[in-house]
Amino acid sequence: MGSVKGVVFDLDGTLLDTESFVTEAVRSVVEAHGKTLTPEAMQASTGRRPIEAWQAVRDVLDIDATAQQLFDESEPILTERWHMAKLMPGAHRLLWHLHKHKIPVALATSTSRATFGAKMAGHGNLQSIFTCVSCGDEVTNGKPAPDCFRQAAAKLGLQPGECLAIEDAPAGVEAAVAAGLRVAVVPSLRDHQAYPKPLPDAPAGCCSVLPSLLDFKPEQYGLPAFEDLIRGVIPLEPVWKLKGKVVKGFGRGSKELGIPTANLDAASLQGALAEAVTGIYLGWAGIGASKQVYKMVMSIGFNPYYNNTQKTAEPWLLHTFQQDFYDEELRLLVCGYIRPEANFESLDALVQRIHEDAAVTKAALTDKAFAAYEQDGFLAPQADTA
């Protein structure tokens, strides 16, 4: 594989977390028409221009309304929320890294030009990074047609094969492949069968499938490597702060693994976990009225070994406690990303990897950049922060 000379990003679901807004709006409109939103309808519509996306939803669910009518019903809901869209984990880091090394960057999005401005309202400083933007209403055919990616490559002054596309949706991947770009896929769908099998050495087409932008390694595409790793760990900016009551979980940590993980009540984590990339993280923890702060390694995800269907967070406080602390408030400051979630062939392999993650955590948290967070006021008991 030759070196990449330019990178073309998709917007929604790749750089901006707008998918949760869209799903809520679509579900509201669909239910108003007496239908239930299905995964099949969402898969058919994801990545397409708005009217074409609604046409796909209408066709899959057999809704008695035109795509334009459905769009008109959803647009007021979304217009009020676009400015609230947050960057996807790893997006800020990757964009500024490419900008620092003078790698030209473009956007190829199904979003209209007017809506693009609304979505980026909270991230105005990032717009200077993009050499060009190709919007859905500026090309003849929307994704999965290749028009927007071909236009973006041309605006960069590059051949399609000299560009790497980064996409999350099957329609966008199809469009980039058809345009002749190499494609790194960061799936927004859990069903990876909706995406082509990656061929790492192919001159065009899908060359990699990544759990998240945090797992993007520029050097694999001939781009400059990241320079911010702390003992092999990716620092999070901003850090995440989570708190909630400790509840009884599956009982697997202590019973099967010999690793007593804590579990936070689902309600306190609902919003935070919706935005969090699955994987293994490190940070600091505070419990109840204690002023003691503990090193912590945590998994966020579905735990493939146990085939979980609900995303959970399971922190392991690296300390031996003499008693349980159910119903106590647990405060977590998450400041580093260790690795993606993985499946294991055996329980022994899983346990070994968890202990390796703990060793990485203990070493990394001694670095001054991570160690400074041990004094963060968020970790102190609430009475002490008044």
Protein backbone atom coordinates (compact mmCIF):
# COMPACT_ATOMS: atom_id res chain seq x y z
CA MET A 1 0.00 0.00 0.00
CA GLY A 2 1.39 3.41 -0.98
CA SER A 3 1.43 6.45 1.25
CA VAL A 4 -1.75 8.47 1.65
CA LYS A 5 -1.52 12.10 0.55
CA GLY A 6 -4.94 13.30 1.72
CA VAL A 7 -7.74 12.20 4.05
CA VAL A 8 -11.45 12.55 3.30
CA PHE A 9 -13.79 12.26 6.29
CA ASP A 10 -17.47 11.58 6.51
CA LEU A 11 -19.23 13.84 9.04
CA ASP A 12 -22.19 12.23 10.82
CA GLY A 13 -21.23 9.23 12.92
CA THR A 14 -17.57 9.57 11.94
CA LEU A 15 -16.55 13.01 13.22
CA LEU A 16 -19.77 14.20 14.87
CA ASP A 17 -22.04 12.19 17.13
CA THR A 18 -25.32 13.20 15.48
CA GLU A 19 -26.59 9.66 15.06
CA SER A 20 -28.28 9.62 18.49
CA PHE A 21 -30.18 12.83 17.63
CA VAL A 22 -31.25 11.44 14.28
CA THR A 23 -32.38 8.12 15.75
CA GLU A 24 -34.53 9.88 18.35
CA ALA A 25 -36.10 12.15 15.73
CA VAL A 26 -36.74 9.31 13.29
CA ARG A 27 -38.25 7.14 16.01
CA SER A 28 -40.58 9.98 17.06
CA VAL A 29 -41.81 10.58 13.50
CA VAL A 30 -42.15 6.87 12.71
CA GLU A 31 -44.17 6.22 15.87
CA ALA A 32 -46.45 9.15 15.04
CA HIS A 33 -47.32 7.20 11.87
CA GLY A 34 -48.10 4.05 13.85
CA LYS A 35 -44.87 2.23 13.01
CA THR A 36 -41.89 0.94 15.02
CA LEU A 37 -38.36 1.87 14.00
CA THR A 38 -36.35 -1.27 13.22
CA PRO A 39 -32.61 -1.93 12.84
CA GLU A 40 -33.29 -2.80 9.19
CA ALA A 41 -34.80 0.63 8.57
CA MET A 42 -31.90 2.41 10.25
CA GLN A 43 -29.32 0.38 8.32
CA ALA A 44 -31.04 1.14 5.02
CA SER A 45 -31.06 4.88 5.72
CA THR A 46 -27.76 5.55 7.50
CA GLY A 47 -25.30 7.66 5.52
CA ARG A 48 -27.74 8.83 2.84
CA ARG A 49 -28.99 12.32 2.04
CA PRO A 50 -32.01 13.23 4.20
CA ILE A 51 -34.79 12.79 1.64
CA GLU A 52 -33.24 9.58 0.34
CA ALA A 53 -32.80 8.34 3.92
CA TRP A 54 -36.47 8.96 4.64
CA GLN A 55 -37.42 7.21 1.41
CA ALA A 56 -35.49 4.15 2.61
CA VAL A 57 -37.23 4.25 6.01
CA ARG A 58 -40.61 4.69 4.31
CA ASP A 59 -39.99 1.73 2.00
CA VAL A 60 -38.77 -0.61 4.75
CA LEU A 61 -41.60 0.25 7.18
CA ASP A 62 -44.33 0.82 4.56
CA ILE A 63 -45.30 4.23 5.94
CA ASP A 64 -48.26 5.95 4.30
CA ALA A 65 -46.52 9.31 3.75
CA THR A 66 -44.03 10.75 1.30
CA ALA A 67 -40.34 11.05 2.11
CA GLN A 68 -40.70 14.84 1.89
CA GLN A 69 -43.52 14.81 4.46
CA LEU A 70 -41.47 12.68 6.84
CA PHE A 71 -38.47 14.96 6.38
CA ASP A 72 -40.59 18.04 7.08
CA GLU A 73 -41.81 16.47 10.33
CA SER A 74 -38.32 15.56 11.54
CA GLU A 75 -36.45 18.70 10.55
CA PRO A 76 -37.76 21.02 13.31
CA ILE A 77 -36.77 18.43 15.93
CA LEU A 78 -33.23 18.19 14.57
CA THR A 79 -32.73 21.88 13.84
CA GLU A 80 -33.03 22.62 17.56
CA ARG A 81 -30.33 20.09 18.41
CA TRP A 82 -27.62 20.21 15.72
CA HIS A 83 -25.53 22.73 17.67
CA MET A 84 -25.35 20.25 20.56
CA ALA A 85 -23.54 17.59 18.52
CA LYS A 86 -20.32 16.44 20.15
CA LEU A 87 -17.17 15.21 18.45
CA MET A 88 -16.72 11.46 18.27
CA PRO A 89 -13.98 10.10 20.56
CA GLY A 90 -10.59 10.49 18.87
CA ALA A 91 -11.84 12.95 16.23
CA HIS A 92 -10.29 16.10 17.71
CA ARG A 93 -6.97 14.33 18.24
CA LEU A 94 -6.80 12.95 14.69
CA LEU A 95 -7.88 16.14 12.92
CA TRP A 96 -5.35 18.34 14.67
CA HIS A 97 -2.62 15.73 14.22
CA LEU A 98 -3.17 15.74 10.45
CA HIS A 99 -3.32 19.53 10.41
CA LYS A 100 -0.07 19.79 12.38
CA HIS A 101 1.68 17.61 9.79
CA LYS A 102 0.14 19.52 6.86
CA ILE A 103 -1.85 16.56 5.54
CA PRO A 104 -4.73 17.98 3.45
CA VAL A 105 -8.13 17.07 4.87
CA ALA A 106 -11.57 17.16 3.20
CA LEU A 107 -15.16 16.38 4.16
CA ALA A 108 -17.56 14.36 2.01
CA THR A 109 -20.96 14.47 3.66
CA SER A 110 -24.58 13.78 2.78
CA THR A 111 -25.49 16.85 4.84
CA SER A 112 -26.68 19.95 2.97
CA ARG A 113 -24.50 23.07 3.06
CA ALA A 114 -26.96 24.97 5.28
CA THR A 115 -27.27 22.12 7.78
CA PHE A 116 -23.50 21.60 7.77
CA GLY A 117 -23.08 25.09 9.21
CA ALA A 118 -25.61 24.34 11.96
CA LYS A 119 -23.92 21.07 12.88
CA MET A 120 -20.49 22.68 13.09
CA ALA A 121 -21.69 25.72 15.06
CA GLY A 122 -20.15 24.39 18.25
CA HIS A 123 -16.87 23.43 16.55
CA GLY A 124 -16.03 26.49 14.50
CA ASN A 125 -12.30 26.18 15.15
CA LEU A 126 -12.24 22.86 13.30
CA GLN A 127 -13.58 24.25 10.05
CA SER A 128 -10.21 25.86 9.31
CA ILE A 129 -8.68 22.38 9.16
CA PHE A 130 -10.70 21.34 6.11
CA THR A 131 -9.21 22.23 2.76
CA CYS A 132 -12.62 21.65 1.20
CA VAL A 133 -16.11 20.37 2.01
CA SER A 134 -18.33 18.44 -0.41
CA CYS A 135 -21.97 18.58 0.73
CA GLY A 136 -24.86 16.39 -0.30
CA ASP A 137 -26.76 19.14 -2.10
CA GLU A 138 -23.71 20.07 -4.18
CA VAL A 139 -23.45 16.81 -6.11
CA THR A 140 -25.80 15.13 -8.56
CA ASN A 141 -26.05 11.82 -6.74
CA GLY A 142 -25.80 11.20 -3.01
CA LYS A 143 -24.17 8.28 -1.23
CA PRO A 144 -23.90 5.37 -2.04
CA ALA A 145 -23.03 7.00 -5.38
CA PRO A 146 -19.36 8.10 -5.52
CA ASP A 147 -19.97 11.75 -6.47
CA CYS A 148 -19.09 13.49 -3.19
CA PHE A 149 -15.85 11.53 -2.71
CA ARG A 150 -14.74 12.13 -6.28
CA GLN A 151 -15.49 15.82 -5.86
CA ALA A 152 -13.56 16.00 -2.57
CA ALA A 153 -10.49 14.29 -4.04
CA ALA A 154 -10.58 16.63 -7.06
CA LYS A 155 -10.80 19.69 -4.79
CA LEU A 156 -7.74 18.42 -2.92
CA GLY A 157 -5.93 18.16 -6.27
CA LEU A 158 -5.36 14.43 -5.72
CA GLN A 159 -6.23 11.22 -7.50
CA PRO A 160 -8.82 9.10 -5.63
CA GLY A 161 -6.20 6.39 -5.02
CA GLU A 162 -4.01 8.92 -3.20
CA CYS A 163 -6.77 9.57 -0.64
CA LEU A 164 -7.95 7.67 2.40
CA ALA A 165 -11.65 7.91 3.25
CA ILE A 166 -12.81 7.42 6.82
CA GLU A 167 -16.46 6.34 7.00
CA ASP A 168 -18.93 4.80 9.44
CA ALA A 169 -22.00 3.95 7.33
CA PRO A 170 -22.40 1.16 4.74
CA ALA A 171 -23.72 3.65 2.15
CA GLY A 172 -20.70 5.90 2.68
CA VAL A 173 -18.26 3.01 2.46
CA GLU A 174 -19.89 1.90 -0.79
CA ALA A 175 -19.58 5.45 -2.15
CA ALA A 176 -15.90 5.80 -1.25
CA VAL A 177 -15.05 2.38 -2.66
CA ALA A 178 -16.87 3.22 -5.90
CA ALA A 179 -14.92 6.49 -6.12
CA GLY A 180 -11.63 4.57 -5.98
CA LEU A 181 -10.45 5.66 -2.54
CA ARG A 182 -8.96 3.44 0.11
CA VAL A 183 -11.35 3.27 3.03
CA ALA A 184 -10.87 2.90 6.78
CA VAL A 185 -14.20 1.90 8.28
CA VAL A 186 -15.25 2.88 11.80
CA PRO A 187 -18.60 1.06 11.92
CA SER A 188 -21.65 2.74 13.38
CA LEU A 189 -23.52 -0.57 13.11
CA ARG A 190 -22.75 -3.48 15.44
CA ASP A 191 -23.48 -5.88 12.57
CA HIS A 192 -20.14 -5.80 10.75
CA GLN A 193 -21.51 -8.07 8.03
CA ALA A 194 -22.95 -4.90 6.52
CA TYR A 195 -19.40 -3.83 5.60
CA PRO A 196 -16.93 -5.28 3.07
CA LYS A 197 -14.08 -7.47 4.24
CA PRO A 198 -10.91 -5.36 4.56
CA LEU A 199 -7.97 -5.97 2.24
CA PRO A 200 -5.02 -4.13 3.85
CA ASP A 201 -2.77 -4.10 0.79
CA ALA A 202 -5.39 -3.23 -1.84
CA PRO A 203 -4.70 -0.02 -3.83
CA ALA A 204 -8.38 0.94 -3.45
CA GLY A 205 -11.41 -0.21 -1.44
CA CYS A 206 -11.86 -1.17 2.20
CA CYS A 207 -8.44 -1.58 3.77
CA SER A 208 -9.26 -1.62 7.52
CA VAL A 209 -12.10 -1.85 10.01
CA LEU A 210 -11.45 -0.05 13.30
CA PRO A 211 -13.31 -0.07 16.61
CA SER A 212 -13.01 3.73 16.84
CA LEU A 213 -10.92 6.71 15.77
CA LEU A 214 -8.91 6.14 18.94
CA ASP A 215 -7.59 3.00 17.25
CA PHE A 216 -6.51 4.75 14.05
CA LYS A 217 -2.75 4.35 13.55
CA PRO A 218 -1.62 6.89 10.92
CA GLU A 219 1.67 5.12 10.23
CA GLN A 220 -0.23 2.14 8.80
CA TYR A 221 -1.29 4.39 5.92
CA GLY A 222 2.06 6.09 5.40
CA LEU A 223 1.08 9.09 7.55
CA PRO A 224 3.06 10.54 10.48
CA ALA A 225 2.55 8.60 13.72
CA PHE A 226 0.92 10.13 16.79
CA GLU A 227 3.35 11.64 19.28
CA ASP A 228 1.12 11.93 22.36
CA LEU A 229 1.16 8.41 23.80
CA ILE A 230 1.95 8.14 27.51
CA ARG A 231 3.59 4.76 28.15
CA GLY A 232 1.53 3.34 25.30
CA VAL A 233 -1.75 4.88 26.53
CA ILE A 234 -3.78 7.48 24.64
CA PRO A 235 -4.60 10.49 26.85
CA LEU A 236 -8.25 11.56 26.74
CA GLU A 237 -9.03 15.22 26.19
CA PRO A 238 -11.30 16.13 27.80
CA VAL A 239 -11.31 13.51 30.54
CA TRP A 240 -14.56 11.75 31.40
CA LYS A 241 -16.15 12.15 34.82
CA LEU A 242 -18.72 9.56 35.87
CA LYS A 243 -20.43 8.95 39.19
CA GLY A 244 -23.24 6.82 40.52
CA LYS A 245 -24.27 4.36 43.17
CA VAL A 246 -22.49 1.00 43.38
CA VAL A 247 -24.91 -1.84 42.71
CA LYS A 248 -24.63 -5.61 42.56
CA GLY A 249 -23.58 -6.75 39.10
CA PHE A 250 -23.17 -10.13 37.43
CA GLY A 251 -20.89 -11.44 40.19
CA ARG A 252 -18.45 -12.61 37.53
CA GLY A 253 -15.52 -10.43 38.54
CA SER A 254 -14.97 -11.99 41.94
CA LYS A 255 -16.53 -15.42 41.38
CA GLU A 256 -15.09 -16.42 38.00
CA LEU A 257 -12.15 -14.13 37.42
CA GLY A 258 -10.83 -13.32 40.87
CA ILE A 259 -11.10 -9.65 39.87
CA PRO A 260 -13.64 -7.73 42.00
CA THR A 261 -15.05 -5.12 39.64
CA ALA A 262 -17.59 -2.54 40.80
CA ASN A 263 -20.81 -1.81 38.95
CA LEU A 264 -22.57 1.56 38.71
CA ASP A 265 -26.35 1.78 38.44
CA ALA A 266 -27.44 1.86 34.81
CA ALA A 267 -29.37 5.13 35.12
CA SER A 268 -26.26 7.11 36.10
CA LEU A 269 -24.33 5.76 33.12
CA GLN A 270 -26.99 5.93 30.40
CA GLY A 271 -25.94 9.24 28.86
CA ALA A 272 -22.20 8.77 29.35
CA LEU A 273 -22.09 5.25 27.90
CA ALA A 274 -24.10 6.24 24.83
CA GLU A 275 -21.17 8.43 23.78
CA ALA A 276 -18.34 6.22 25.01
CA VAL A 277 -16.26 4.05 22.71
CA THR A 278 -16.04 0.45 23.85
CA GLY A 279 -12.62 -0.49 25.15
CA ILE A 280 -10.31 -0.57 28.15
CA TYR A 281 -9.57 2.66 30.02
CA LEU A 282 -7.62 3.85 33.04
CA GLY A 283 -8.07 6.58 35.59
CA TRP A 284 -8.78 7.39 39.21
CA ALA A 285 -11.64 6.55 41.58
CA GLY A 286 -13.12 7.90 44.80
CA ILE A 287 -15.68 6.10 47.02
CA GLY A 288 -18.32 7.41 49.39
CA ALA A 289 -17.10 9.65 52.20
CA SER A 290 -13.48 8.46 51.91
CA LYS A 291 -10.85 10.97 50.83
CA GLN A 292 -8.66 8.15 49.51
CA VAL A 293 -8.20 8.06 45.72
CA TYR A 294 -7.50 4.75 43.97
CA LYS A 295 -5.98 3.73 40.65
CA MET A 296 -8.60 2.21 38.38
CA VAL A 297 -8.78 0.20 35.15
CA MET A 298 -12.18 -0.12 33.48
CA SER A 299 -13.84 -1.92 30.62
CA ILE A 300 -16.64 -0.25 28.70
CA GLY A 301 -18.59 -2.33 26.26
CA PHE A 302 -20.50 -5.52 25.63
CA ASN A 303 -17.82 -7.96 26.82
CA PRO A 304 -17.70 -10.34 23.81
CA TYR A 305 -16.59 -13.27 25.99
CA TYR A 306 -19.91 -13.13 27.85
CA ASN A 307 -22.02 -11.99 24.86
CA ASN A 308 -23.55 -9.03 26.69
CA THR A 309 -26.34 -7.23 24.82
CA GLN A 310 -26.21 -4.04 26.91
CA LYS A 311 -23.22 -1.73 27.12
CA THR A 312 -21.79 -1.65 30.64
CA ALA A 313 -18.90 -0.10 32.55
CA GLU A 314 -16.98 -2.36 34.94
CA PRO A 315 -14.22 -0.57 36.88
CA TRP A 316 -11.61 -2.52 38.85
CA LEU A 317 -10.16 -0.46 41.67
CA LEU A 318 -6.56 -1.60 42.11
CA HIS A 319 -6.73 -1.94 45.87
CA THR A 320 -7.65 -4.73 48.29
CA PHE A 321 -10.81 -3.76 50.18
CA GLN A 322 -11.86 -5.52 53.37
CA GLN A 323 -15.58 -5.18 52.68
CA ASP A 324 -18.06 -4.44 49.90
CA PHE A 325 -19.21 -0.87 49.28
CA TYR A 326 -22.66 -1.39 47.75
CA ASP A 327 -24.87 1.74 47.72
CA GLU A 328 -21.82 4.00 48.15
CA GLU A 329 -21.21 6.76 45.61
CA LEU A 330 -18.42 5.82 43.19
CA ARG A 331 -16.66 8.69 41.38
CA LEU A 332 -14.59 7.86 38.31
CA LEU A 333 -12.22 10.15 36.42
CA VAL A 334 -11.28 8.42 33.16
CA CYS A 335 -8.17 9.92 31.58
CA GLY A 336 -6.59 7.31 29.28
CA TYR A 337 -7.50 4.73 26.61
CA ILE A 338 -5.51 1.50 26.70
CA ARG A 339 -6.93 -0.71 23.94
CA PRO A 340 -10.11 -1.77 22.12
CA GLU A 341 -12.49 -4.38 23.46
CA ALA A 342 -11.54 -7.90 22.38
CA ASN A 343 -12.83 -11.44 22.50
CA PHE A 344 -10.83 -14.29 24.01
CA GLU A 345 -10.79 -18.00 23.33
CA SER A 346 -10.61 -18.93 26.99
CA LEU A 347 -11.28 -17.58 30.46
CA ASP A 348 -7.59 -17.89 31.30
CA ALA A 349 -6.65 -15.69 28.35
CA LEU A 350 -9.21 -13.09 29.45
CA VAL A 351 -7.88 -13.05 33.01
CA GLN A 352 -4.28 -12.75 31.81
CA ARG A 353 -5.13 -9.78 29.61
CA ILE A 354 -7.03 -8.03 32.42
CA HIS A 355 -3.96 -8.33 34.67
CA GLU A 356 -1.79 -6.97 31.86
CA ASP A 357 -4.16 -4.00 31.61
CA ALA A 358 -3.81 -3.47 35.36
CA ALA A 359 -0.01 -3.46 35.04
CA VAL A 360 -0.22 -0.89 32.24
CA THR A 361 -2.54 1.23 34.40
CA LYS A 362 -0.26 1.19 37.44
CA ALA A 363 2.74 2.24 35.36
CA ALA A 364 0.98 4.90 33.27
CA LEU A 365 -0.69 6.62 36.23
CA THR A 366 2.74 7.40 37.69
CA ASP A 367 3.41 9.72 34.74
CA LYS A 368 2.95 13.34 35.78
CA ALA A 369 0.34 14.02 33.08
CA PHE A 370 -1.96 11.32 34.49
CA ALA A 371 -0.86 11.63 38.13
CA ALA A 372 -2.06 15.24 38.24
CA TYR A 373 -5.67 14.08 38.00
CA GLU A 374 -5.40 12.29 41.35
CA GLN A 375 -5.94 15.70 42.97
CA ASP A 376 -9.04 16.59 40.92
CA GLY A 377 -11.83 17.87 43.17
CA PHE A 378 -14.40 15.68 41.41
CA LEU A 379 -12.94 12.63 43.17
CA ALA A 380 -13.39 14.10 46.65
CA PRO A 381 -16.52 13.46 48.76
CA GLN A 382 -19.22 16.00 47.97
CA ALA A 383 -19.10 17.55 51.45
CA ASP A 384 -15.40 18.30 50.92
CA THR A 385 -15.99 20.18 47.68
CA ALA A 386 -18.48 22.68 49.13
